Amino acid sequence: MKKRVFPLLMALVMLLALMPALGQAQTTISYFAPWTANLDPDSFAEKLVEEGTGYNIEVRKVDATNAQATQLMIATDMPDCGWFGQSFEFMEDQEMIRRIPVDMVREHVPAYMELVDRYPLVYDMALDPEDPTQFRFLPGMKVLDANIYMKCIFLRYDWVDKLGLDLGDIQVEQLSDQLYISNKGISLETFDKVLRAFVNDDPDGNGQKDTFGILKDWHEWMMPSQAVIDGINEADGKATEWFTHPRTKNMLRYIQNAYNDGLIYPEIFTIAWGGDWELINSGRSGVLGGAAVSPIWLNSWAATRPPLSLFAANPEAKLLMLPGITDDDGHTYRARMLTPATSQSFFVNYDVSDEKLVDILKFFNFCNFSDKQIQAQLWYGEENVDWKWEDDKPVKLGSIQPGEKGTQVFCLNIQDGLAAEWITYEPLFEKGVRYYVESEGGIWNQDLIYPYKNDISSSTKAKEISNEYRKDWESVYKAYFMEVITGAKNLEGDWDDYLKDLEAVEYGRYLEEIEKAPTVFELLAKYDK
């Protein structure tokens, strides 16, 4: 018996060494992100994170799309950390966030810092200007967004063929039985001919004049035709937004005439979200474009919207994918992203100690930079239940939705490397990457241009003014544009009054502040090696 005492004692000592100290509580991290509102208790992804980190994750179940509910949570029950769409200025005003030391991020989330080093303007965006050793927040990073021509339009190519329409000197490649792609855009003159034929020449062959042209977001269609981009433009040596650019008058003039000629959907100003999809799917319109329409709509997450929903509803339908309408010199200019930063930022509660911040950064690292098996499970759910490995890629086995089982709740806002390829490089999208992904050749990407100026570090009051008054500007320009297009106001005669209405809601002061900001090329020159 005596011979067994020492080994037993040693085993007991080793066991105790592996156990937490007596009475030591498990670290709890409260967390918020999109899709947490309806998260089931002990969801698959939540359990995976808890088991992988050893932390107890307490998820805040607030609807991220409800701004008022989110702001109330921030003011009264701010979690330890999370992804928020609110601006830094708003969060700072609430006095609910703390700084995050750069050295701590570099030590505990080195892969994130590698991303920031690749896109150093993120430092200008996120560092505290008064103490550059501290991040104010950690921006979300979707790397492909900075590497892709994000906008496009689709035309019913079977209608183009049926009506014998000439699209000019473009080169068209067939990507699938139903999808074709062009090497460049078409001129406004050609686009106008297409619209008129689609509306007036019975493209669906039912003997009735019941098809429509542009369905929504007319300005998104028209901006490339006038070499105007979404963001800060330069006009006569001054900064201006697109809605006051002198060439916006040309857009309005064309759309006014098109509206009078019946080439614009009559309910364009009131069409509900997804209403245009239904008109496309039912064959009532042959043009698809707008603020959100993108090559990434070729992937399965967009199966409920065209083009995929049209292909499913009508196997005979064919679509031609183009970058847009060209300007007089044949370009389809769109805004190039300065960084891959997303609209969501990772903030940390002011009450979090440095010791707990280490735990939060380790949690952040696990969720976003683990090995491919963990990443696949956080994105797609249970292996061999919701997905399986095929050619070293996760392939979905069902129709699990984002947020179901906690998928994407913990990893949505960091997309690089494997995750970016899995999410975006699905078969149909991949067939066309040499047109719209810069690293793959990017035929369209040569027409991506930077905005004129950007106050990325919030060194002026421009962002503060914009946050407070942008909705007022939208109300003014939407009302004016609608009245011009429908003929209730005169484009030339009422333009100056329109600008005065914007002045009344601080738009002029905003432009004055933007003038103080550096040009984008001045920003880039700081890191040009």
Protein backbone atom coordinates (compact mmCIF):
# COMPACT_ATOMS: atom_id res chain seq x y z
CA MET A 1 0.00 0.00 0.00
CA LYS A 2 2.77 2.44 0.94
CA LYS A 3 4.32 2.08 -2.50
CA ARG A 4 1.15 3.51 -4.11
CA VAL A 5 0.90 6.66 -1.95
CA PHE A 6 3.52 8.74 -3.80
CA PRO A 7 2.15 8.11 -7.32
CA LEU A 8 -1.36 8.91 -6.09
CA LEU A 9 -0.18 12.13 -4.48
CA MET A 10 1.64 13.12 -7.67
CA ALA A 11 -1.46 12.41 -9.74
CA LEU A 12 -3.54 14.52 -7.37
CA VAL A 13 -1.03 17.41 -7.58
CA MET A 14 -1.05 17.28 -11.39
CA LEU A 15 -4.85 17.21 -11.47
CA LEU A 16 -5.10 20.21 -9.19
CA ALA A 17 -2.58 22.08 -11.35
CA LEU A 18 -4.85 21.63 -14.34
CA MET A 19 -7.94 22.87 -12.48
CA PRO A 20 -8.83 26.53 -11.89
CA ALA A 21 -7.93 27.81 -8.45
CA LEU A 22 -10.51 26.97 -5.83
CA GLY A 23 -13.30 29.52 -5.91
CA GLN A 24 -11.99 31.22 -9.08
CA ALA A 25 -14.97 32.16 -11.24
CA GLN A 26 -15.04 31.52 -14.97
CA THR A 27 -14.50 34.74 -16.95
CA THR A 28 -17.76 36.06 -18.39
CA ILE A 29 -17.70 38.26 -21.49
CA SER A 30 -20.89 40.02 -22.51
CA TYR A 31 -21.13 40.51 -26.26
CA PHE A 32 -23.31 42.09 -28.95
CA ALA A 33 -23.41 41.69 -32.72
CA PRO A 34 -25.89 41.42 -35.59
CA TRP A 35 -28.30 38.46 -35.40
CA THR A 36 -27.99 38.04 -31.64
CA ALA A 37 -31.60 39.06 -30.99
CA ASN A 38 -33.13 35.66 -31.74
CA LEU A 39 -30.16 33.52 -30.77
CA ASP A 40 -31.30 30.32 -29.11
CA PRO A 41 -29.80 29.58 -25.67
CA ASP A 42 -26.73 27.38 -25.95
CA SER A 43 -26.65 27.75 -29.72
CA PHE A 44 -24.12 25.64 -31.59
CA ALA A 45 -21.73 28.53 -32.38
CA GLU A 46 -21.98 30.00 -28.88
CA LYS A 47 -21.07 26.65 -27.31
CA LEU A 48 -18.22 26.25 -29.78
CA VAL A 49 -16.78 29.63 -28.76
CA GLU A 50 -17.21 28.93 -25.06
CA GLU A 51 -15.52 25.54 -25.32
CA GLY A 52 -12.74 26.94 -27.48
CA THR A 53 -11.95 29.93 -25.27
CA GLY A 54 -12.93 28.72 -21.82
CA TYR A 55 -15.01 31.87 -21.31
CA ASN A 56 -18.70 32.19 -20.51
CA ILE A 57 -20.20 34.26 -23.34
CA GLU A 58 -23.22 36.29 -22.37
CA VAL A 59 -24.94 37.44 -25.56
CA ARG A 60 -27.01 40.64 -25.56
CA LYS A 61 -30.25 39.83 -27.37
CA VAL A 62 -31.16 43.15 -28.94
CA ASP A 63 -32.20 43.64 -32.56
CA ALA A 64 -29.22 45.33 -34.22
CA THR A 65 -31.51 46.73 -36.94
CA ASN A 66 -33.48 48.64 -34.32
CA ALA A 67 -31.36 51.76 -33.77
CA GLN A 68 -33.40 52.98 -30.80
CA ALA A 69 -33.20 49.64 -29.00
CA THR A 70 -29.47 49.42 -29.64
CA GLN A 71 -28.85 52.96 -28.43
CA LEU A 72 -30.89 52.28 -25.27
CA MET A 73 -28.76 49.20 -24.60
CA ILE A 74 -25.57 51.23 -25.08
CA ALA A 75 -26.78 53.86 -22.60
CA THR A 76 -28.14 51.48 -19.95
CA ASP A 77 -26.65 48.02 -20.36
CA MET A 78 -23.54 48.31 -22.52
CA PRO A 79 -21.93 44.88 -22.96
CA ASP A 80 -18.22 44.33 -22.42
CA CYS A 81 -17.66 44.37 -26.15
CA GLY A 82 -19.32 43.94 -29.51
CA TRP A 83 -19.94 45.05 -33.06
CA PHE A 84 -21.91 48.27 -33.43
CA GLY A 85 -23.03 50.30 -36.44
CA GLN A 86 -23.05 53.49 -34.38
CA SER A 87 -20.32 56.03 -35.09
CA PHE A 88 -17.36 56.59 -32.78
CA GLU A 89 -18.66 60.11 -32.12
CA PHE A 90 -21.96 58.72 -30.86
CA MET A 91 -20.28 56.08 -28.69
CA GLU A 92 -17.87 58.65 -27.28
CA ASP A 93 -20.73 61.00 -26.45
CA GLN A 94 -22.31 58.20 -24.41
CA GLU A 95 -19.07 57.91 -22.41
CA MET A 96 -19.40 54.14 -22.56
CA ILE A 97 -16.24 53.02 -24.40
CA ARG A 98 -12.56 52.68 -23.58
CA ARG A 99 -9.39 52.78 -25.66
CA ILE A 100 -7.62 49.60 -26.82
CA PRO A 101 -3.80 49.63 -26.67
CA VAL A 102 -2.21 48.88 -30.04
CA ASP A 103 0.50 46.76 -28.39
CA MET A 104 -2.13 44.57 -26.75
CA VAL A 105 -3.85 43.99 -30.08
CA ARG A 106 -0.52 43.20 -31.73
CA GLU A 107 0.29 40.68 -29.00
CA HIS A 108 -3.07 38.93 -28.75
CA VAL A 109 -4.54 39.39 -32.26
CA PRO A 110 -1.47 39.50 -34.53
CA ALA A 111 -3.44 38.51 -37.64
CA TYR A 112 -5.67 41.57 -37.23
CA MET A 113 -2.63 43.82 -37.06
CA GLU A 114 -1.29 42.23 -40.23
CA LEU A 115 -4.53 43.32 -41.91
CA VAL A 116 -4.20 46.85 -40.58
CA ASP A 117 -0.59 47.02 -41.73
CA ARG A 118 -1.71 46.01 -45.24
CA TYR A 119 -4.23 48.89 -45.23
CA PRO A 120 -2.50 51.53 -43.09
CA LEU A 121 -5.18 54.17 -43.57
CA VAL A 122 -7.09 52.13 -40.98
CA TYR A 123 -4.66 53.65 -38.49
CA ASP A 124 -5.86 57.12 -39.49
CA MET A 125 -9.42 55.93 -39.04
CA ALA A 126 -9.14 54.11 -35.74
CA LEU A 127 -6.22 55.50 -33.72
CA ASP A 128 -6.77 58.12 -31.05
CA PRO A 129 -5.24 61.29 -32.59
CA GLU A 130 -4.26 62.47 -29.11
CA ASP A 131 -2.63 59.15 -28.22
CA PRO A 132 -1.64 57.09 -31.27
CA THR A 133 -0.66 54.15 -29.06
CA GLN A 134 -4.38 53.49 -28.59
CA PHE A 135 -7.16 52.34 -30.87
CA ARG A 136 -10.51 54.03 -30.32
CA PHE A 137 -12.19 50.92 -31.82
CA LEU A 138 -11.34 48.04 -34.12
CA PRO A 139 -12.92 48.45 -37.56
CA GLY A 140 -14.52 45.45 -39.21
CA MET A 141 -12.48 44.33 -42.22
CA LYS A 142 -13.95 42.77 -45.38
CA VAL A 143 -10.86 42.61 -47.55
CA LEU A 144 -12.57 41.60 -50.78
CA ASP A 145 -14.66 44.80 -50.66
CA ALA A 146 -11.50 46.81 -51.30
CA ASN A 147 -10.54 44.51 -54.15
CA ILE A 148 -13.79 44.37 -56.11
CA TYR A 149 -15.81 46.50 -58.51
CA MET A 150 -18.84 46.45 -56.24
CA LYS A 151 -21.61 47.74 -58.52
CA CYS A 152 -23.11 46.39 -61.73
CA ILE A 153 -26.30 46.26 -63.78
CA PHE A 154 -28.05 43.35 -65.48
CA LEU A 155 -30.07 43.44 -68.72
CA ARG A 156 -32.35 40.72 -70.06
CA TYR A 157 -30.01 39.43 -72.77
CA ASP A 158 -32.67 37.17 -74.27
CA TRP A 159 -34.78 40.31 -74.81
CA VAL A 160 -31.80 42.09 -76.37
CA ASP A 161 -31.42 39.18 -78.77
CA LYS A 162 -35.14 38.88 -79.52
CA LEU A 163 -35.48 42.60 -80.27
CA GLY A 164 -32.28 42.68 -82.35
CA LEU A 165 -30.67 45.42 -80.27
CA ASP A 166 -27.11 46.56 -81.00
CA LEU A 167 -25.16 47.18 -77.77
CA GLY A 168 -22.19 48.80 -79.48
CA ASP A 169 -18.56 47.70 -79.44
CA ILE A 170 -18.68 45.65 -76.26
CA GLN A 171 -17.27 42.13 -76.04
CA VAL A 172 -19.58 39.56 -74.44
CA GLU A 173 -18.52 36.31 -72.78
CA GLN A 174 -20.91 33.52 -71.78
CA LEU A 175 -20.37 32.43 -68.17
CA SER A 176 -23.24 29.94 -67.89
CA ASP A 177 -26.39 28.85 -69.71
CA GLN A 178 -28.16 31.96 -68.39
CA LEU A 179 -25.44 34.49 -67.51
CA TYR A 180 -23.30 36.59 -69.87
CA ILE A 181 -20.84 39.37 -69.08
CA SER A 182 -19.48 42.40 -70.94
CA ASN A 183 -15.94 43.73 -70.90
CA LYS A 184 -17.26 47.28 -70.43
CA GLY A 185 -20.40 49.36 -70.06
CA ILE A 186 -22.70 50.76 -72.71
CA SER A 187 -23.25 54.41 -73.62
CA LEU A 188 -26.24 56.39 -72.41
CA GLU A 189 -27.47 56.58 -76.01
CA THR A 190 -27.38 52.79 -76.31
CA PHE A 191 -28.95 52.33 -72.88
CA ASP A 192 -31.76 54.66 -73.89
CA LYS A 193 -32.46 52.54 -76.97
CA VAL A 194 -32.56 49.41 -74.80
CA LEU A 195 -34.98 51.04 -72.34
CA ARG A 196 -37.31 52.18 -75.12
CA ALA A 197 -37.33 48.74 -76.71
CA PHE A 198 -37.89 46.96 -73.39
CA VAL A 199 -40.85 49.22 -72.60
CA ASN A 200 -42.44 49.70 -76.02
CA ASP A 201 -41.61 46.68 -78.20
CA ASP A 202 -43.33 43.84 -76.31
CA PRO A 203 -40.15 41.94 -75.30
CA ASP A 204 -42.12 39.24 -73.45
CA GLY A 205 -44.29 38.60 -76.51
CA ASN A 206 -47.64 38.71 -74.73
CA GLY A 207 -49.10 41.34 -77.05
CA GLN A 208 -49.45 43.93 -74.27
CA LYS A 209 -47.49 47.00 -73.29
CA ASP A 210 -46.91 45.94 -69.70
CA THR A 211 -43.14 45.96 -69.20
CA PHE A 212 -41.15 48.59 -67.32
CA GLY A 213 -37.73 50.27 -67.47
CA ILE A 214 -35.74 51.63 -64.53
CA LEU A 215 -37.42 50.49 -61.31
CA LYS A 216 -35.54 52.28 -58.51
CA ASP A 217 -32.42 54.22 -57.49
CA TRP A 218 -32.22 56.23 -60.72
CA HIS A 219 -29.16 58.17 -59.53
CA GLU A 220 -27.14 54.95 -59.09
CA TRP A 221 -27.77 54.16 -62.75
CA MET A 222 -26.90 57.63 -63.91
CA MET A 223 -23.83 58.68 -61.90
CA PRO A 224 -21.26 56.77 -64.02
CA SER A 225 -22.70 58.36 -67.17
CA GLN A 226 -21.64 61.75 -65.79
CA ALA A 227 -18.34 60.66 -64.16
CA VAL A 228 -19.79 61.40 -60.73
CA ILE A 229 -19.17 59.03 -57.82
CA ASP A 230 -20.89 58.40 -54.51
CA GLY A 231 -18.86 60.35 -51.98
CA ILE A 232 -16.84 63.55 -52.14
CA ASN A 233 -16.31 64.73 -55.72
CA GLU A 234 -14.23 67.62 -57.03
CA ALA A 235 -16.03 70.25 -59.09
CA ASP A 236 -14.29 73.46 -60.16
CA GLY A 237 -11.63 72.89 -57.51
CA LYS A 238 -14.15 72.51 -54.68
CA ALA A 239 -15.50 69.53 -52.76
CA THR A 240 -19.10 68.54 -53.34
CA GLU A 241 -21.36 65.56 -52.82
CA TRP A 242 -23.00 63.93 -55.83
CA PHE A 243 -26.39 65.49 -55.18
CA THR A 244 -25.06 69.03 -55.69
CA HIS A 245 -22.54 68.28 -58.41
CA PRO A 246 -23.16 70.48 -61.48
CA ARG A 247 -23.32 67.39 -63.70
CA THR A 248 -26.18 66.03 -61.60
CA LYS A 249 -28.33 68.41 -63.63
CA ASN A 250 -27.56 66.28 -66.69
CA MET A 251 -28.74 63.19 -64.85
CA LEU A 252 -31.95 64.90 -63.81
CA ARG A 253 -32.59 66.19 -67.30
CA TYR A 254 -32.31 62.71 -68.79
CA ILE A 255 -34.44 61.05 -66.10
CA GLN A 256 -37.10 63.75 -66.39
CA ASN A 257 -37.40 63.05 -70.13
CA ALA A 258 -37.31 59.29 -69.56
CA TYR A 259 -40.07 59.59 -66.95
CA ASN A 260 -42.22 61.61 -69.35
CA ASP A 261 -41.65 58.96 -72.03
CA GLY A 262 -42.72 56.11 -69.74
CA LEU A 263 -39.23 54.59 -69.42
CA ILE A 264 -39.28 54.88 -65.63
CA TYR A 265 -41.45 52.73 -63.38
CA PRO A 266 -44.33 55.00 -62.25
CA GLU A 267 -43.84 54.04 -58.59
CA ILE A 268 -40.08 54.52 -58.60
CA PHE A 269 -40.27 56.94 -55.66
CA THR A 270 -42.29 54.59 -53.44
CA ILE A 271 -41.36 51.06 -54.49
CA ALA A 272 -40.82 48.82 -51.46
CA TRP A 273 -37.64 46.90 -50.70
CA GLY A 274 -37.69 43.83 -52.92
CA GLY A 275 -40.49 45.14 -55.11
CA ASP A 276 -38.11 45.45 -58.04
CA TRP A 277 -37.05 41.83 -57.57
CA GLU A 278 -40.65 40.70 -58.03
CA LEU A 279 -41.00 42.72 -61.22
CA ILE A 280 -37.78 41.19 -62.57
CA ASN A 281 -38.74 37.64 -61.55
CA SER A 282 -42.19 37.92 -63.12
CA GLY A 283 -40.78 39.24 -66.40
CA ARG A 284 -42.28 42.71 -66.00
CA SER A 285 -38.88 44.40 -66.32
CA GLY A 286 -35.59 43.57 -68.00
CA VAL A 287 -33.26 45.93 -66.15
CA LEU A 288 -31.78 45.29 -62.72
CA GLY A 289 -29.56 47.80 -60.94
CA GLY A 290 -29.46 50.13 -57.99
CA ALA A 291 -27.65 51.03 -54.82
CA ALA A 292 -26.96 47.45 -53.71
CA VAL A 293 -26.84 45.42 -56.94
CA SER A 294 -23.42 43.81 -57.15
CA PRO A 295 -21.49 40.87 -58.60
CA ILE A 296 -21.72 39.28 -55.15
CA TRP A 297 -25.43 38.77 -55.82
CA LEU A 298 -24.31 35.76 -57.86
CA ASN A 299 -23.76 33.85 -54.61
CA SER A 300 -26.18 31.58 -52.78
CA TRP A 301 -26.89 33.95 -49.89
CA ALA A 302 -28.72 36.09 -52.51
CA ALA A 303 -30.82 33.21 -53.86
CA THR A 304 -34.07 35.04 -53.06
CA ARG A 305 -33.21 38.00 -55.29
CA PRO A 306 -32.32 38.33 -58.97
CA PRO A 307 -30.33 37.24 -60.82
CA LEU A 308 -30.50 33.84 -59.07
CA SER A 309 -34.22 34.05 -58.33
CA LEU A 310 -34.94 34.94 -61.97
CA PHE A 311 -32.87 32.01 -63.19
CA ALA A 312 -34.80 29.70 -60.86
CA ALA A 313 -38.20 31.12 -61.84
CA ASN A 314 -37.48 31.20 -65.58
CA PRO A 315 -34.88 28.74 -66.91
CA GLU A 316 -35.17 30.37 -70.34
CA ALA A 317 -34.18 33.84 -69.10
CA LYS A 318 -30.71 35.16 -69.87
CA LEU A 319 -28.98 38.15 -68.30
CA LEU A 320 -26.07 40.30 -69.44
CA MET A 321 -23.92 41.71 -66.65
CA LEU A 322 -22.24 45.12 -67.20
CA PRO A 323 -20.39 47.62 -65.02
CA GLY A 324 -22.91 50.34 -65.95
CA ILE A 325 -23.54 53.26 -68.28
CA THR A 326 -20.38 54.91 -69.61
CA ASP A 327 -19.49 58.58 -69.67
CA ASP A 328 -18.58 60.37 -72.92
CA ASP A 329 -15.06 58.89 -72.80
CA GLY A 330 -16.26 55.31 -72.37
CA HIS A 331 -15.58 54.94 -68.63
CA THR A 332 -17.87 53.67 -65.88
CA TYR A 333 -16.29 55.37 -62.90
CA ARG A 334 -17.27 54.17 -59.43
CA ALA A 335 -15.83 54.99 -56.01
CA ARG A 336 -12.79 53.00 -54.92
CA MET A 337 -12.71 52.09 -51.24
CA LEU A 338 -9.88 53.58 -49.20
CA THR A 339 -9.84 50.66 -46.80
CA PRO A 340 -11.77 47.40 -46.36
CA ALA A 341 -13.28 48.75 -43.13
CA THR A 342 -16.95 47.90 -42.71
CA SER A 343 -19.78 49.95 -41.24
CA GLN A 344 -19.52 47.86 -38.06
CA SER A 345 -16.88 48.58 -35.44
CA PHE A 346 -15.75 46.59 -32.40
CA PHE A 347 -16.06 48.70 -29.26
CA VAL A 348 -15.07 47.85 -25.69
CA ASN A 349 -16.94 49.04 -22.60
CA TYR A 350 -15.23 51.80 -20.59
CA ASP A 351 -15.58 49.64 -17.45
CA VAL A 352 -13.39 46.82 -18.82
CA SER A 353 -10.02 46.49 -17.07
CA ASP A 354 -6.76 45.85 -18.91
CA GLU A 355 -6.79 42.33 -17.48
CA LYS A 356 -10.23 41.60 -18.88
CA LEU A 357 -9.34 43.32 -22.14
CA VAL A 358 -6.74 40.60 -22.68
CA ASP A 359 -9.54 38.02 -22.39
CA ILE A 360 -11.69 39.98 -24.82
CA LEU A 361 -8.87 40.18 -27.37
CA LYS A 362 -8.27 36.42 -27.05
CA PHE A 363 -12.01 35.91 -27.62
CA PHE A 364 -11.84 38.25 -30.64
CA ASN A 365 -8.87 36.30 -32.01
CA PHE A 366 -10.58 32.93 -31.59
CA CYS A 367 -13.75 34.07 -33.33
CA ASN A 368 -12.01 35.63 -36.32
CA PHE A 369 -8.61 34.01 -36.79
CA SER A 370 -8.88 30.38 -35.70
CA ASP A 371 -7.98 27.43 -37.91
CA LYS A 372 -10.16 26.63 -40.90
CA GLN A 373 -12.23 24.01 -39.05
CA ILE A 374 -13.34 26.53 -36.41
CA GLN A 375 -13.93 29.22 -39.05
CA ALA A 376 -16.07 26.87 -41.12
CA GLN A 377 -18.21 25.94 -38.11
CA LEU A 378 -18.71 29.55 -37.03
CA TRP A 379 -19.78 30.46 -40.57
CA TYR A 380 -21.82 27.43 -41.55
CA GLY A 381 -22.80 25.36 -38.50
CA GLU A 382 -22.30 21.66 -37.82
CA GLU A 383 -20.06 19.68 -40.12
CA ASN A 384 -21.86 16.90 -42.02
CA VAL A 385 -25.17 18.33 -40.82
CA ASP A 386 -25.22 21.86 -42.25
CA TRP A 387 -22.14 21.59 -44.49
CA LYS A 388 -19.35 19.28 -45.57
CA TRP A 389 -15.81 19.63 -46.89
CA GLU A 390 -15.56 19.37 -50.67
CA ASP A 391 -12.31 20.21 -52.49
CA ASP A 392 -11.11 21.82 -49.27
CA LYS A 393 -14.11 24.19 -49.19
CA PRO A 394 -17.23 24.07 -47.01
CA VAL A 395 -20.30 23.21 -49.09
CA LYS A 396 -23.75 23.82 -47.63
CA LEU A 397 -26.02 20.80 -47.20
CA GLY A 398 -29.16 22.76 -46.43
CA SER A 399 -30.62 26.25 -46.25
CA ILE A 400 -29.34 27.34 -42.85
CA GLN A 401 -29.78 31.11 -42.55
CA PRO A 402 -27.34 33.64 -41.05
CA GLY A 403 -27.77 33.68 -37.30
CA GLU A 404 -29.34 30.22 -37.20
CA LYS A 405 -27.43 28.10 -34.66
CA GLY A 406 -25.37 31.26 -34.06
CA THR A 407 -23.71 31.15 -37.48
CA GLN A 408 -21.97 34.42 -38.44
CA VAL A 409 -22.83 35.99 -35.06
CA PHE A 410 -19.21 35.82 -33.93
CA CYS A 411 -17.29 36.14 -37.19
CA LEU A 412 -19.27 38.28 -39.64
CA ASN A 413 -17.15 41.43 -39.63
CA ILE A 414 -13.71 40.01 -40.30
CA GLN A 415 -13.51 38.47 -43.76
CA ASP A 416 -10.10 37.67 -45.16
CA GLY A 417 -8.22 34.73 -46.58
CA LEU A 418 -10.11 31.45 -46.42
CA ALA A 419 -13.33 32.94 -45.08
CA ALA A 420 -13.50 35.54 -47.85
CA GLU A 421 -12.99 32.85 -50.49
CA TRP A 422 -15.59 30.52 -48.98
CA ILE A 423 -18.19 33.23 -48.66
CA THR A 424 -17.73 34.88 -52.04
CA TYR A 425 -15.97 32.56 -54.46
CA GLU A 426 -18.97 30.39 -55.21
CA PRO A 427 -19.05 28.81 -58.70
CA LEU A 428 -21.07 31.41 -60.63
CA PHE A 429 -19.28 34.38 -59.06
CA GLU A 430 -15.92 32.74 -59.67
CA LYS A 431 -16.59 32.39 -63.39
CA GLY A 432 -16.45 36.18 -63.80
CA VAL A 433 -13.77 37.23 -61.33
CA ARG A 434 -11.33 38.42 -64.02
CA TYR A 435 -13.82 41.22 -64.77
CA TYR A 436 -14.55 42.54 -61.26
CA VAL A 437 -11.88 41.32 -58.80
CA GLU A 438 -8.69 43.34 -59.00
CA SER A 439 -6.36 40.57 -57.87
CA GLU A 440 -7.80 38.34 -60.60
CA GLY A 441 -7.24 40.84 -63.42
CA GLY A 442 -10.07 43.27 -62.78
CA ILE A 443 -11.04 44.37 -66.29
CA TRP A 444 -13.68 46.70 -64.83
CA ASN A 445 -11.54 47.80 -61.88
CA GLN A 446 -9.51 50.23 -63.95
CA ASP A 447 -12.50 52.57 -63.65
CA LEU A 448 -12.50 52.61 -59.85
CA ILE A 449 -11.39 56.03 -58.62
CA TYR A 450 -10.84 57.48 -55.18
CA PRO A 451 -13.09 60.21 -53.79
CA TYR A 452 -11.59 63.69 -53.85
CA LYS A 453 -11.25 64.17 -50.09
CA ASN A 454 -11.79 62.10 -46.97
CA ASP A 455 -11.66 63.15 -43.34
CA ILE A 456 -10.81 59.61 -42.32
CA SER A 457 -9.37 60.63 -38.94
CA SER A 458 -12.26 62.99 -38.05
CA SER A 459 -9.89 65.95 -37.85
CA THR A 460 -12.68 68.34 -38.87
CA LYS A 461 -16.32 68.67 -37.85
CA ALA A 462 -17.54 67.32 -41.19
CA LYS A 463 -18.49 63.86 -39.87
CA GLU A 464 -20.19 65.37 -36.84
CA ILE A 465 -22.28 67.66 -39.07
CA SER A 466 -23.01 64.83 -41.49
CA ASN A 467 -24.17 62.52 -38.69
CA GLU A 468 -26.60 65.17 -37.49
CA TYR A 469 -27.91 66.53 -40.77
CA ARG A 470 -27.52 63.90 -43.51
CA LYS A 471 -31.10 62.72 -43.16
CA ASP A 472 -32.23 66.32 -43.62
CA TRP A 473 -30.14 66.61 -46.79
CA GLU A 474 -31.68 63.40 -48.10
CA SER A 475 -35.15 64.74 -47.43
CA VAL A 476 -34.36 67.96 -49.31
CA TYR A 477 -32.75 66.41 -52.37
CA LYS A 478 -35.24 63.53 -52.65
CA ALA A 479 -38.17 65.96 -52.57
CA TYR A 480 -36.55 68.29 -55.08
CA PHE A 481 -35.49 65.51 -57.44
CA MET A 482 -38.94 63.96 -57.40
CA GLU A 483 -40.56 67.29 -58.22
CA VAL A 484 -38.11 67.94 -61.05
CA ILE A 485 -38.54 64.47 -62.52
CA THR A 486 -42.32 64.64 -62.41
CA GLY A 487 -42.33 68.17 -63.82
CA ALA A 488 -43.56 69.97 -60.71
CA LYS A 489 -40.37 72.05 -60.54
CA ASN A 490 -38.09 73.55 -63.15
CA LEU A 491 -34.58 72.12 -63.19
CA GLU A 492 -32.71 75.30 -64.08
CA GLY A 493 -35.01 77.83 -62.48
CA ASP A 494 -35.30 76.07 -59.12
CA TRP A 495 -31.75 74.74 -58.74
CA ASP A 496 -30.51 77.78 -56.77
CA ASP A 497 -33.47 77.56 -54.40
CA TYR A 498 -32.68 73.87 -53.92
CA LEU A 499 -29.12 74.75 -52.91
CA LYS A 500 -30.45 77.36 -50.47
CA ASP A 501 -32.70 74.74 -48.89
CA LEU A 502 -29.63 72.58 -48.31
CA GLU A 503 -27.75 75.56 -46.86
CA ALA A 504 -30.55 75.91 -44.32
CA VAL A 505 -29.70 72.46 -42.94
CA GLU A 506 -25.94 73.03 -42.59
CA TYR A 507 -24.83 71.49 -45.89
CA GLY A 508 -22.69 74.54 -46.69
CA ARG A 509 -20.96 74.35 -43.31
CA TYR A 510 -20.32 70.67 -43.92
CA LEU A 511 -18.60 71.43 -47.24
CA GLU A 512 -16.52 74.13 -45.55
CA GLU A 513 -15.30 71.54 -43.05
CA ILE A 514 -14.59 68.96 -45.78
CA GLU A 515 -12.40 71.54 -47.55
CA LYS A 516 -10.13 71.43 -44.50
CA ALA A 517 -9.61 67.68 -44.91
CA PRO A 518 -6.70 66.26 -46.91
CA THR A 519 -7.19 64.95 -50.41
CA VAL A 520 -7.16 61.18 -50.66
CA PHE A 521 -3.88 61.30 -52.55
CA GLU A 522 -2.34 63.30 -49.70
CA LEU A 523 -3.52 60.60 -47.31
CA LEU A 524 -2.11 57.81 -49.45
CA ALA A 525 1.22 59.61 -49.86
CA LYS A 526 1.84 59.26 -46.12
CA TYR A 527 2.26 55.51 -46.56
CA ASP A 528 3.72 55.44 -50.04
CA LYS A 529 7.04 53.62 -49.81
